[in-house]
C-alpha atoms as a PDB file:
ATOM      1  CA  PRO A   1      42.381  40.337  81.161  1.00  0.00           C
ATOM      2  CA  SER A   2      43.931  39.958  84.618  1.00  0.00           C
ATOM      3  CA  LEU A   3      46.472  37.225  85.271  1.00  0.00           C
ATOM      4  CA  PRO A   4      45.214  34.166  87.219  1.00  0.00           C
ATOM      5  CA  SER A   5      46.254  33.982  90.859  1.00  0.00           C
ATOM      6  CA  PRO A   6      49.409  31.831  91.367  1.00  0.00           C
ATOM      7  CA  GLU A   7      48.787  28.389  92.810  1.00  0.00           C
ATOM      8  CA  MET A   8      49.369  28.251  96.543  1.00  0.00           C
ATOM      9  CA  GLY A   9      50.646  25.209  98.408  1.00  0.00           C
ATOM     10  CA  ALA A  10      50.388  22.620  95.616  1.00  0.00           C
ATOM     11  CA  ASN A  11      54.097  21.831  95.530  1.00  0.00           C
ATOM     12  CA  LYS A  12      56.575  23.335  97.995  1.00  0.00           C
ATOM     13  CA  LYS A  13      59.452  23.122  95.560  1.00  0.00           C
ATOM     14  CA  ARG A  14      57.444  24.880  92.910  1.00  0.00           C
ATOM     15  CA  SER A  15      56.093  27.431  95.367  1.00  0.00           C
ATOM     16  CA  ALA A  16      59.649  28.290  96.368  1.00  0.00           C
ATOM     17  CA  LYS A  17      60.349  29.478  92.840  1.00  0.00           C
ATOM     18  CA  PRO A  18      60.155  33.285  92.578  1.00  0.00           C
ATOM     19  CA  ALA A  19      56.800  34.495  91.263  1.00  0.00           C
ATOM     20  CA  PRO A  20      56.908  36.053  87.802  1.00  0.00           C
ATOM     21  CA  GLN A  21      57.138  39.831  87.932  1.00  0.00           C
ATOM     22  CA  PRO A  22      54.812  42.049  85.885  1.00  0.00           C
ATOM     23  CA  ALA A  23      56.217  43.627  82.753  1.00  0.00           C
ATOM     24  CA  THR A  24      57.823  46.988  83.308  1.00  0.00           C
ATOM     25  CA  ASN A  25      56.978  48.457  79.913  1.00  0.00           C
ATOM     26  CA  ALA A  26      56.592  52.180  80.577  1.00  0.00           C
ATOM     27  CA  GLU A  27      53.684  52.397  78.153  1.00  0.00           C
ATOM     28  CA  ASP A  28      51.574  50.140  80.401  1.00  0.00           C
ATOM     29  CA  SER A  29      51.128  53.030  82.848  1.00  0.00           C
ATOM     30  CA  ARG A  30      50.308  55.706  80.271  1.00  0.00           C
ATOM     31  CA  ARG A  31      47.025  57.578  80.606  1.00  0.00           C
ATOM     32  CA  LEU A  32      44.857  59.693  78.354  1.00  0.00           C
ATOM     33  CA  LEU A  33      42.556  62.310  79.810  1.00  0.00           C
ATOM     34  CA  LEU A  34      39.872  63.035  77.211  1.00  0.00           C
ATOM     35  CA  LEU A  35      38.113  66.290  78.103  1.00  0.00           C
ATOM     36  CA  ARG A  36      35.039  67.162  76.067  1.00  0.00           C
ATOM     37  CA  HIS A  37      34.417  70.873  75.525  1.00  0.00           C
ATOM     38  CA  GLY A  38      31.861  72.815  77.553  1.00  0.00           C
ATOM     39  CA  GLN A  39      28.373  73.507  76.267  1.00  0.00           C
ATOM     40  CA  SER A  40      28.553  75.332  72.934  1.00  0.00           C
ATOM     41  CA  GLU A  41      26.053  77.592  71.227  1.00  0.00           C
ATOM     42  CA  ALA A  42      25.270  74.711  68.868  1.00  0.00           C
ATOM     43  CA  ASN A  43      24.687  72.331  71.805  1.00  0.00           C
ATOM     44  CA  ALA A  44      22.323  74.806  73.437  1.00  0.00           C
ATOM     45  CA  THR A  45      20.264  75.764  70.382  1.00  0.00           C
ATOM     46  CA  GLY A  46      20.483  72.681  68.177  1.00  0.00           C
ATOM     47  CA  ASP A  47      21.466  74.963  65.282  1.00  0.00           C
ATOM     48  CA  ASP A  48      24.467  74.372  63.045  1.00  0.00           C
ATOM     49  CA  VAL A  49      26.323  77.467  64.243  1.00  0.00           C
ATOM     50  CA  PRO A  50      29.628  78.047  62.400  1.00  0.00           C
ATOM     51  CA  ASP A  51      32.557  77.175  64.692  1.00  0.00           C
ATOM     52  CA  PRO A  52      30.485  78.066  67.763  1.00  0.00           C
ATOM     53  CA  LEU A  53      31.732  79.561  70.998  1.00  0.00           C
ATOM     54  CA  LEU A  54      30.895  78.351  74.493  1.00  0.00           C
ATOM     55  CA  THR A  55      27.702  79.494  76.123  1.00  0.00           C
ATOM     56  CA  GLU A  56      27.862  81.158  79.534  1.00  0.00           C
ATOM     57  CA  ASP A  57      27.086  77.756  81.085  1.00  0.00           C
ATOM     58  CA  GLY A  58      29.828  76.176  78.971  1.00  0.00           C
ATOM     59  CA  ALA A  59      32.376  78.724  80.180  1.00  0.00           C
ATOM     60  CA  THR A  60      31.282  78.054  83.775  1.00  0.00           C
ATOM     61  CA  GLN A  61      31.728  74.317  83.244  1.00  0.00           C
ATOM     62  CA  ALA A  62      35.225  74.810  81.832  1.00  0.00           C
ATOM     63  CA  SER A  63      36.309  77.296  84.512  1.00  0.00           C
ATOM     64  CA  SER A  64      35.102  74.927  87.235  1.00  0.00           C
ATOM     65  CA  TRP A  65      38.115  72.708  86.492  1.00  0.00           C
ATOM     66  CA  ARG A  66      40.566  75.472  87.486  1.00  0.00           C
ATOM     67  CA  ALA A  67      41.095  74.325  91.065  1.00  0.00           C
ATOM     68  CA  ARG A  68      41.513  70.656  90.094  1.00  0.00           C
ATOM     69  CA  ALA A  69      43.319  70.904  86.771  1.00  0.00           C
ATOM     70  CA  GLY A  70      46.805  70.794  88.260  1.00  0.00           C
ATOM     71  CA  ALA A  71      46.015  67.627  90.207  1.00  0.00           C
ATOM     72  CA  LEU A  72      45.082  65.787  87.007  1.00  0.00           C
ATOM     73  CA  GLY A  73      48.784  65.314  86.322  1.00  0.00           C
ATOM     74  CA  ALA A  74      48.720  66.061  82.600  1.00  0.00           C
ATOM     75  CA  GLU A  75      52.138  66.737  81.102  1.00  0.00           C
ATOM     76  CA  VAL A  76      50.819  68.193  77.855  1.00  0.00           C
ATOM     77  CA  ILE A  77      47.414  69.325  76.599  1.00  0.00           C
ATOM     78  CA  LEU A  78      46.497  68.691  72.975  1.00  0.00           C
ATOM     79  CA  VAL A  79      43.664  70.938  71.825  1.00  0.00           C
ATOM     80  CA  SER A  80      41.284  70.609  68.893  1.00  0.00           C
ATOM     81  CA  PRO A  81      41.495  73.787  66.758  1.00  0.00           C
ATOM     82  CA  LEU A  82      37.786  74.576  67.063  1.00  0.00           C
ATOM     83  CA  ARG A  83      36.921  77.607  69.137  1.00  0.00           C
ATOM     84  CA  ARG A  84      34.832  75.815  71.753  1.00  0.00           C
ATOM     85  CA  THR A  85      37.698  73.452  72.604  1.00  0.00           C
ATOM     86  CA  VAL A  86      40.289  76.236  72.656  1.00  0.00           C
ATOM     87  CA  GLN A  87      38.115  78.180  75.090  1.00  0.00           C
ATOM     88  CA  THR A  88      37.617  75.080  77.241  1.00  0.00           C
ATOM     89  CA  ALA A  89      41.342  74.337  77.427  1.00  0.00           C
ATOM     90  CA  CYS A  90      42.355  77.900  78.263  1.00  0.00           C
ATOM     91  CA  LEU A  91      39.675  78.280  80.943  1.00  0.00           C
ATOM     92  CA  ALA A  92      40.161  74.858  82.528  1.00  0.00           C
ATOM     93  CA  PHE A  93      43.981  74.959  82.652  1.00  0.00           C
ATOM     94  CA  GLN A  94      44.492  78.696  83.134  1.00  0.00           C
ATOM     95  CA  ASP A  95      46.157  78.308  86.535  1.00  0.00           C
ATOM     96  CA  THR A  96      48.630  75.652  85.396  1.00  0.00           C
ATOM     97  CA  ASP A  97      51.817  75.826  83.361  1.00  0.00           C
ATOM     98  CA  VAL A  98      51.141  72.597  81.452  1.00  0.00           C
ATOM     99  CA  PRO A  99      52.105  73.148  77.779  1.00  0.00           C
ATOM    100  CA  MET A 100      49.172  73.421  75.377  1.00  0.00           C
ATOM    101  CA  GLU A 101      49.395  72.523  71.682  1.00  0.00           C
ATOM    102  CA  LEU A 102      46.827  72.827  68.910  1.00  0.00           C
ATOM    103  CA  CYS A 103      46.156  69.415  67.356  1.00  0.00           C
ATOM    104  CA  ARG A 104      44.250  69.418  64.060  1.00  0.00           C
ATOM    105  CA  PRO A 105      43.445  65.656  64.089  1.00  0.00           C
ATOM    106  CA  ALA A 106      41.533  66.160  67.367  1.00  0.00           C
ATOM    107  CA  ARG A 107      38.799  68.144  65.571  1.00  0.00           C
ATOM    108  CA  GLU A 108      35.250  66.824  65.631  1.00  0.00           C
ATOM    109  CA  MET A 109      33.755  64.311  63.217  1.00  0.00           C
ATOM    110  CA  TRP A 110      30.963  65.258  60.764  1.00  0.00           C
ATOM    111  CA  TRP A 111      33.010  67.702  58.717  1.00  0.00           C
ATOM    112  CA  CYS A 112      30.029  68.618  56.555  1.00  0.00           C
ATOM    113  CA  ASP A 113      28.536  70.531  59.507  1.00  0.00           C
ATOM    114  CA  ARG A 114      29.517  74.173  59.838  1.00  0.00           C
ATOM    115  CA  GLN A 115      29.942  73.788  63.584  1.00  0.00           C
ATOM    116  CA  ASN A 116      32.774  71.323  62.946  1.00  0.00           C
ATOM    117  CA  THR A 117      34.594  73.382  60.314  1.00  0.00           C
ATOM    118  CA  PRO A 118      37.496  75.414  61.730  1.00  0.00           C
ATOM    119  CA  GLY A 119      37.276  79.169  61.298  1.00  0.00           C
ATOM    120  CA  THR A 120      39.970  81.438  59.936  1.00  0.00           C
ATOM    121  CA  PRO A 121      43.325  82.137  61.619  1.00  0.00           C
ATOM    122  CA  SER A 122      42.273  85.771  62.145  1.00  0.00           C
ATOM    123  CA  GLN A 123      39.180  84.648  64.055  1.00  0.00           C
ATOM    124  CA  MET A 124      41.293  82.374  66.220  1.00  0.00           C
ATOM    125  CA  TYR A 125      43.902  85.064  66.935  1.00  0.00           C
ATOM    126  CA  GLU A 126      41.095  87.415  67.990  1.00  0.00           C
ATOM    127  CA  LEU A 127      39.727  84.786  70.378  1.00  0.00           C
ATOM    128  CA  LEU A 128      43.140  83.945  71.819  1.00  0.00           C
ATOM    129  CA  ARG A 129      43.767  87.597  72.715  1.00  0.00           C
ATOM    130  CA  GLU A 130      40.793  87.404  75.086  1.00  0.00           C
ATOM    131  CA  LEU A 131      41.639  84.077  76.749  1.00  0.00           C
ATOM    132  CA  PRO A 132      43.920  83.276  79.699  1.00  0.00           C
ATOM    133  CA  ARG A 133      47.089  81.666  78.355  1.00  0.00           C
ATOM    134  CA  GLY A 134      45.864  82.366  74.831  1.00  0.00           C
ATOM    135  CA  SER A 135      49.258  83.775  73.866  1.00  0.00           C
ATOM    136  CA  GLU A 136      50.822  80.357  74.572  1.00  0.00           C
ATOM    137  CA  LEU A 137      48.969  78.582  71.766  1.00  0.00           C
ATOM    138  CA  HIS A 138      51.104  78.746  68.643  1.00  0.00           C
ATOM    139  CA  ASP A 139      51.028  77.286  65.114  1.00  0.00           C
ATOM    140  CA  VAL A 140      47.523  78.616  64.572  1.00  0.00           C
ATOM    141  CA  ASP A 141      47.845  78.718  60.788  1.00  0.00           C
ATOM    142  CA  GLU A 142      49.128  75.141  60.637  1.00  0.00           C
ATOM    143  CA  ALA A 143      46.229  73.928  62.783  1.00  0.00           C
ATOM    144  CA  LEU A 144      43.516  75.745  60.831  1.00  0.00           C
ATOM    145  CA  VAL A 145      44.679  75.610  57.219  1.00  0.00           C
ATOM    146  CA  PRO A 146      44.706  72.161  55.546  1.00  0.00           C
ATOM    147  CA  GLY A 147      48.175  70.981  54.575  1.00  0.00           C
ATOM    148  CA  PRO A 148      49.317  68.660  51.777  1.00  0.00           C
ATOM    149  CA  ASP A 149      48.926  65.606  54.023  1.00  0.00           C
ATOM    150  CA  GLU A 150      45.395  66.468  55.175  1.00  0.00           C
ATOM    151  CA  PRO A 151      43.396  63.289  55.939  1.00  0.00           C
ATOM    152  CA  ALA A 152      40.731  62.619  53.319  1.00  0.00           C
ATOM    153  CA  THR A 153      37.988  61.597  55.772  1.00  0.00           C
ATOM    154  CA  GLU A 154      37.025  61.887  59.418  1.00  0.00           C
ATOM    155  CA  HIS A 155      38.088  58.297  60.068  1.00  0.00           C
ATOM    156  CA  ASP A 156      41.466  58.957  58.466  1.00  0.00           C
ATOM    157  CA  SER A 157      41.808  61.901  60.852  1.00  0.00           C
ATOM    158  CA  ILE A 158      41.067  59.656  63.834  1.00  0.00           C
ATOM    159  CA  ARG A 159      43.708  57.201  62.641  1.00  0.00           C
ATOM    160  CA  LEU A 160      46.183  60.056  62.459  1.00  0.00           C
ATOM    161  CA  LEU A 161      45.213  61.169  65.963  1.00  0.00           C
ATOM    162  CA  ARG A 162      45.820  57.655  67.271  1.00  0.00           C
ATOM    163  CA  LYS A 163      49.272  57.753  65.686  1.00  0.00           C
ATOM    164  CA  VAL A 164      49.994  61.152  67.232  1.00  0.00           C
ATOM    165  CA  LEU A 165      48.981  59.854  70.659  1.00  0.00           C
ATOM    166  CA  GLN A 166      51.053  56.694  70.310  1.00  0.00           C
ATOM    167  CA  GLU A 167      54.137  58.748  69.496  1.00  0.00           C
ATOM    168  CA  ARG A 168      53.830  61.192  72.404  1.00  0.00           C
ATOM    169  CA  PRO A 169      56.594  60.657  74.983  1.00  0.00           C
ATOM    170  CA  GLU A 170      54.564  61.854  77.979  1.00  0.00           C
ATOM    171  CA  THR A 171      53.018  59.488  80.552  1.00  0.00           C
ATOM    172  CA  ILE A 172      49.800  61.491  80.971  1.00  0.00           C
ATOM    173  CA  VAL A 173      48.361  63.323  77.974  1.00  0.00           C
ATOM    174  CA  ALA A 174      45.197  65.431  78.062  1.00  0.00           C
ATOM    175  CA  VAL A 175      43.200  65.929  74.860  1.00  0.00           C
ATOM    176  CA  VAL A 176      40.530  68.638  74.801  1.00  0.00           C
ATOM    177  CA  CYS A 177      38.218  67.499  72.065  1.00  0.00           C
ATOM    178  CA  HIS A 178      34.684  66.393  71.198  1.00  0.00           C
ATOM    179  CA  TRP A 179      31.969  63.796  71.731  1.00  0.00           C
ATOM    180  CA  GLY A 180      32.586  62.076  68.397  1.00  0.00           C
ATOM    181  CA  VAL A 181      36.352  61.945  68.853  1.00  0.00           C
ATOM    182  CA  ILE A 182      36.087  60.502  72.360  1.00  0.00           C
ATOM    183  CA  HIS A 183      33.535  57.946  71.181  1.00  0.00           C
ATOM    184  CA  GLN A 184      35.773  56.894  68.297  1.00  0.00           C
ATOM    185  CA  LEU A 185      38.832  56.569  70.522  1.00  0.00           C
ATOM    186  CA  CYS A 186      37.340  54.621  73.422  1.00  0.00           C
ATOM    187  CA  GLY A 187      33.591  54.118  72.926  1.00  0.00           C
ATOM    188  CA  ALA A 188      32.580  56.448  75.771  1.00  0.00           C
ATOM    189  CA  SER A 189      29.762  59.001  75.578  1.00  0.00           C
ATOM    190  CA  ALA A 190      30.941  62.135  77.394  1.00  0.00           C
ATOM    191  CA  GLY A 191      28.805  65.017  78.592  1.00  0.00           C
ATOM    192  CA  ASN A 192      29.925  68.608  78.257  1.00  0.00           C
ATOM    193  CA  CYS A 193      33.214  69.183  80.101  1.00  0.00           C
ATOM    194  CA  GLU A 194      33.349  65.594  81.336  1.00  0.00           C
ATOM    195  CA  ILE A 195      36.775  63.935  81.550  1.00  0.00           C
ATOM    196  CA  VAL A 196      37.082  60.321  80.428  1.00  0.00           C
ATOM    197  CA  GLU A 197      40.252  58.692  81.754  1.00  0.00           C
ATOM    198  CA  CYS A 198      41.749  55.857  79.732  1.00  0.00           C
ATOM    199  CA  GLU A 199      44.677  53.502  79.968  1.00  0.00           C
ATOM    200  CA  TYR A 200      46.798  53.613  76.849  1.00  0.00           C
ATOM    201  CA  LYS A 201      48.167  50.249  75.722  1.00  0.00           C
ATOM    202  CA  PRO A 202      50.997  49.614  73.249  1.00  0.00           C
ATOM    203  CA  SER A 203      48.450  47.906  70.977  1.00  0.00           C
ATOM    204  CA  GLY A 204      46.817  51.297  70.452  1.00  0.00           C
ATOM    205  CA  LYS A 205      43.626  50.268  72.223  1.00  0.00           C
ATOM    206  CA  LEU A 206      42.226  52.345  75.059  1.00  0.00           C
ATOM    207  CA  LYS A 207      40.508  51.053  78.170  1.00  0.00           C
ATOM    208  CA  VAL A 208      38.223  53.427  80.065  1.00  0.00           C
ATOM    209  CA  VAL A 209      39.183  53.371  83.733  1.00  0.00           C
ATOM    210  CA  GLY A 210      37.113  56.274  85.043  1.00  0.00           C
ATOM    211  CA  SER A 211      35.326  59.526  84.358  1.00  0.00           C
ATOM    212  CA  GLN A 212      34.778  62.837  86.127  1.00  0.00           C
ATOM    213  CA  LYS A 213      31.915  65.269  85.706  1.00  0.00           C
ATOM    214  CA  PRO A 214      32.749  68.989  85.724  1.00  0.00           C
ATOM    215  CA  PRO A 215      32.957  70.273  89.307  1.00  0.00           C
ATOM    216  CA  GLY A 216      30.619  73.190  88.544  1.00  0.00           C
ATOM    217  CA  GLY A 217      28.005  74.392  86.115  1.00  0.00           C
ATOM    218  CA  PRO A 218      24.901  72.561  84.920  1.00  0.00           C
ATOM    219  CA  ARG A 219      24.998  69.021  83.559  1.00  0.00           C
ATOM    220  CA  THR A 220      24.494  69.296  79.815  1.00  0.00           C
ATOM    221  CA  SER A 221      25.119  67.106  76.804  1.00  0.00           C
END
């Protein structure tokens, strides 16, 4: 909630006292840019396609961010290790030099669905060879193969993602992820390739402060 306006003119001695200054906690100005992936084969058909790729429209949506991606101000891009998000990140940010990192906790909810189950490292390496900046995404095996500390449930994974985000040192972090992840983090319902901008507070809560539709391609959900 916003602070009440200071009283004006009630007491000249009191009004002469310097007004309190806002806190200068650096975390108050932190932002998260939550970018949902472009339209996938599963979105388009309604079928539970294993780790689906983007459709042609989805690739157009992602590529339409090229001219604006640098102006978003992201200092790092965390990418869900599903193929549709990896494609989206590489196409959207291909003309920038912002570091990209695979982030396993950013994967979609509903793990029982094949579309939300990561593929094999060999499949990912094959995809990365075809993508702009694909060679810059490392730690593929770590992102795709469950480790000893793998979260037991989807909600445990979201809690881990929140922790990862809280510990990032950057002021503006982009996360290329999914509808369910974005909804869990901030309550927003994002269309394909829509960016939801949030303020990140030290409490861990996120406040949605804006959203941007993809500059090009059809509007799909």
